[in-house]
Amino acid sequence: MRVARRHRTSSALRTICAALTLTALGTSLPHGTGGADADRVGPGRVCRSALPADQELSCGTYGFGDLRYACPKPDTPWRCTTTTQVRVRNTGPAVVYVSVIHGAHQGERLQSPERAIAPRRTATLRPGRGHLLFDLTLRGAGPGTSLTVVSVR
């Protein structure tokens, strides 16, 4: 009986350790600076990708936060407006390809053609008249693929 109990205890301990490790990894992902605006897009937010050149990364999920609304101050969410544009800078060493995911309402997803942004260049990305900006996707070659938000309107 003791052998079985020890085995159960060590299995439970391994499960708990794995859960804690996953929680630590999840909270260390680049989701922002914390606080009330941790999930809102704003100047200075960064999206980095180490994926192969043929794979896209969701910047809304991994770096920029919620792209649908622009808020003037983190503590005044009632003053938020629908995002009409996000200006981004390619802060990596190589050309990146960005596309805009947008739609007229929740549940509708349209994807714009990819747009190339050269290193150290900026680009203004828009969701389209009357549409919500749901996400920006990032694709590029190399481990230094990154975009930084310059401004949001």
Protein backbone atom coordinates (compact mmCIF):
# COMPACT_ATOMS: atom_id res chain seq x y z
CA MET A 1 0.00 0.00 0.00
CA ARG A 2 2.79 2.42 0.79
CA VAL A 3 4.29 2.07 -2.64
CA ALA A 4 0.98 2.97 -4.29
CA ARG A 5 0.49 5.98 -2.01
CA ARG A 6 4.01 7.27 -2.73
CA HIS A 7 3.38 6.89 -6.44
CA ARG A 8 0.13 8.87 -6.20
CA THR A 9 1.85 11.59 -4.18
CA SER A 10 4.71 11.94 -6.64
CA SER A 11 2.27 12.03 -9.57
CA ALA A 12 0.20 14.71 -7.85
CA LEU A 13 3.35 16.68 -7.04
CA ARG A 14 4.47 16.50 -10.67
CA THR A 15 1.03 17.66 -11.83
CA ILE A 16 1.10 20.63 -9.44
CA CYS A 17 4.64 21.57 -10.51
CA ALA A 18 3.66 21.39 -14.18
CA ALA A 19 0.60 23.59 -13.56
CA LEU A 20 2.69 26.16 -11.68
CA THR A 21 5.29 26.18 -14.47
CA LEU A 22 2.63 26.74 -17.13
CA THR A 23 1.09 29.53 -15.05
CA ALA A 24 4.49 31.20 -14.68
CA LEU A 25 5.14 30.93 -18.42
CA GLY A 26 1.70 32.30 -19.26
CA THR A 27 2.12 35.31 -17.02
CA SER A 28 5.57 36.04 -18.43
CA LEU A 29 4.33 36.36 -22.01
CA PRO A 30 4.59 39.93 -23.33
CA HIS A 31 1.04 41.12 -22.64
CA GLY A 32 1.93 44.61 -21.51
CA THR A 33 2.98 46.51 -18.43
CA GLY A 34 0.19 45.49 -16.06
CA GLY A 35 -2.42 47.59 -14.33
CA ALA A 36 -5.82 48.67 -15.64
CA ASP A 37 -4.54 49.21 -19.19
CA ALA A 38 -2.60 45.92 -19.43
CA ASP A 39 -4.89 44.60 -22.15
CA ARG A 40 -5.36 47.86 -24.10
CA VAL A 41 -3.32 48.89 -27.11
CA GLY A 42 -1.20 51.99 -26.58
CA PRO A 43 2.07 53.66 -27.56
CA GLY A 44 5.11 51.61 -26.62
CA ARG A 45 3.40 48.21 -26.76
CA VAL A 46 5.59 45.66 -28.57
CA CYS A 47 4.79 42.53 -30.60
CA ARG A 48 7.73 40.14 -31.13
CA SER A 49 7.82 36.94 -33.10
CA ALA A 50 10.34 34.12 -33.29
CA LEU A 51 8.12 32.04 -35.59
CA PRO A 52 9.33 30.80 -38.98
CA ALA A 53 8.76 33.16 -41.93
CA ASP A 54 5.73 31.20 -43.16
CA GLN A 55 3.77 31.59 -39.88
CA GLU A 56 1.78 34.59 -38.62
CA LEU A 57 1.65 35.81 -35.03
CA SER A 58 -1.38 37.54 -33.50
CA CYS A 59 -0.15 40.87 -32.12
CA GLY A 60 -3.47 41.42 -30.36
CA THR A 61 -2.80 38.30 -28.30
CA TYR A 62 0.99 38.56 -27.95
CA GLY A 63 1.91 42.16 -27.27
CA PHE A 64 -0.56 44.85 -28.29
CA GLY A 65 -3.63 43.94 -26.27
CA ASP A 66 -7.21 44.82 -27.25
CA LEU A 67 -7.12 46.73 -30.55
CA ARG A 68 -10.84 47.50 -30.83
CA TYR A 69 -10.86 50.63 -28.68
CA ALA A 70 -8.48 53.55 -28.12
CA CYS A 71 -8.61 54.97 -24.60
CA PRO A 72 -7.09 58.36 -23.75
CA LYS A 73 -6.22 57.34 -20.17
CA PRO A 74 -6.19 53.91 -18.53
CA ASP A 75 -8.45 55.05 -15.68
CA THR A 76 -11.21 56.45 -17.96
CA PRO A 77 -12.58 53.46 -19.92
CA TRP A 78 -15.91 55.25 -20.50
CA ARG A 79 -14.07 57.72 -22.77
CA CYS A 80 -12.77 55.02 -25.12
CA THR A 81 -13.57 55.30 -28.82
CA THR A 82 -13.42 52.80 -31.65
CA THR A 83 -9.86 52.52 -32.96
CA THR A 84 -9.58 54.16 -36.38
CA GLN A 85 -5.84 53.62 -36.87
CA VAL A 86 -2.71 52.20 -35.28
CA ARG A 87 0.69 53.53 -36.32
CA VAL A 88 3.46 50.93 -35.92
CA ARG A 89 7.24 50.93 -36.39
CA ASN A 90 9.28 47.95 -37.55
CA THR A 91 11.85 47.76 -34.75
CA GLY A 92 13.48 44.59 -36.06
CA PRO A 93 16.40 44.17 -38.47
CA ALA A 94 14.43 42.77 -41.43
CA VAL A 95 11.29 43.46 -43.48
CA VAL A 96 8.07 42.37 -41.74
CA TYR A 97 4.67 41.65 -43.24
CA VAL A 98 1.57 42.86 -41.44
CA SER A 99 -2.12 42.34 -42.12
CA VAL A 100 -5.20 43.83 -40.49
CA ILE A 101 -8.01 41.63 -39.16
CA HIS A 102 -11.24 43.65 -39.07
CA GLY A 103 -15.01 43.37 -39.33
CA ALA A 104 -18.26 45.30 -39.09
CA HIS A 105 -19.25 43.45 -35.88
CA GLN A 106 -18.17 40.75 -33.44
CA GLY A 107 -17.90 37.41 -35.18
CA GLU A 108 -17.12 38.83 -38.62
CA ARG A 109 -13.45 38.57 -39.58
CA LEU A 110 -11.94 39.97 -42.75
CA GLN A 111 -8.19 39.98 -43.43
CA SER A 112 -6.46 42.66 -45.47
CA PRO A 113 -3.64 41.81 -47.85
CA GLU A 114 -0.21 41.74 -46.23
CA ARG A 115 1.73 44.96 -46.14
CA ALA A 116 5.54 45.03 -46.09
CA ILE A 117 7.24 47.35 -43.61
CA ALA A 118 10.99 47.90 -43.94
CA PRO A 119 13.26 48.11 -40.88
CA ARG A 120 12.99 51.42 -38.93
CA ARG A 121 9.96 52.44 -41.03
CA THR A 122 6.49 53.23 -39.76
CA ALA A 123 3.11 52.36 -41.23
CA THR A 124 -0.44 53.41 -40.42
CA LEU A 125 -2.87 50.50 -40.31
CA ARG A 126 -6.63 51.04 -40.47
CA PRO A 127 -9.59 48.67 -40.07
CA GLY A 128 -11.79 50.27 -42.73
CA ARG A 129 -14.71 52.65 -42.44
CA GLY A 130 -17.26 51.48 -39.88
CA HIS A 131 -15.24 48.37 -38.97
CA LEU A 132 -13.69 47.26 -35.71
CA LEU A 133 -9.97 46.50 -35.61
CA PHE A 134 -9.72 43.02 -34.14
CA ASP A 135 -6.08 42.12 -34.68
CA LEU A 136 -2.84 42.76 -36.52
CA THR A 137 -0.83 39.78 -37.68
CA LEU A 138 2.95 39.80 -37.92
CA ARG A 139 5.09 37.65 -40.17
CA GLY A 140 8.79 37.97 -40.91
CA ALA A 141 12.09 36.16 -41.14
CA GLY A 142 14.49 35.79 -38.27
CA PRO A 143 14.37 35.99 -34.51
CA GLY A 144 14.32 39.81 -34.40
CA THR A 145 10.88 40.28 -35.95
CA SER A 146 9.11 43.01 -33.98
CA LEU A 147 6.66 45.90 -34.20
CA THR A 148 6.21 48.74 -31.73
CA VAL A 149 3.04 50.84 -31.46
CA VAL A 150 3.84 54.51 -32.11
CA SER A 151 0.32 55.91 -31.76
CA VAL A 152 -3.34 54.92 -31.61
CA ARG A 153 -6.43 56.87 -32.70
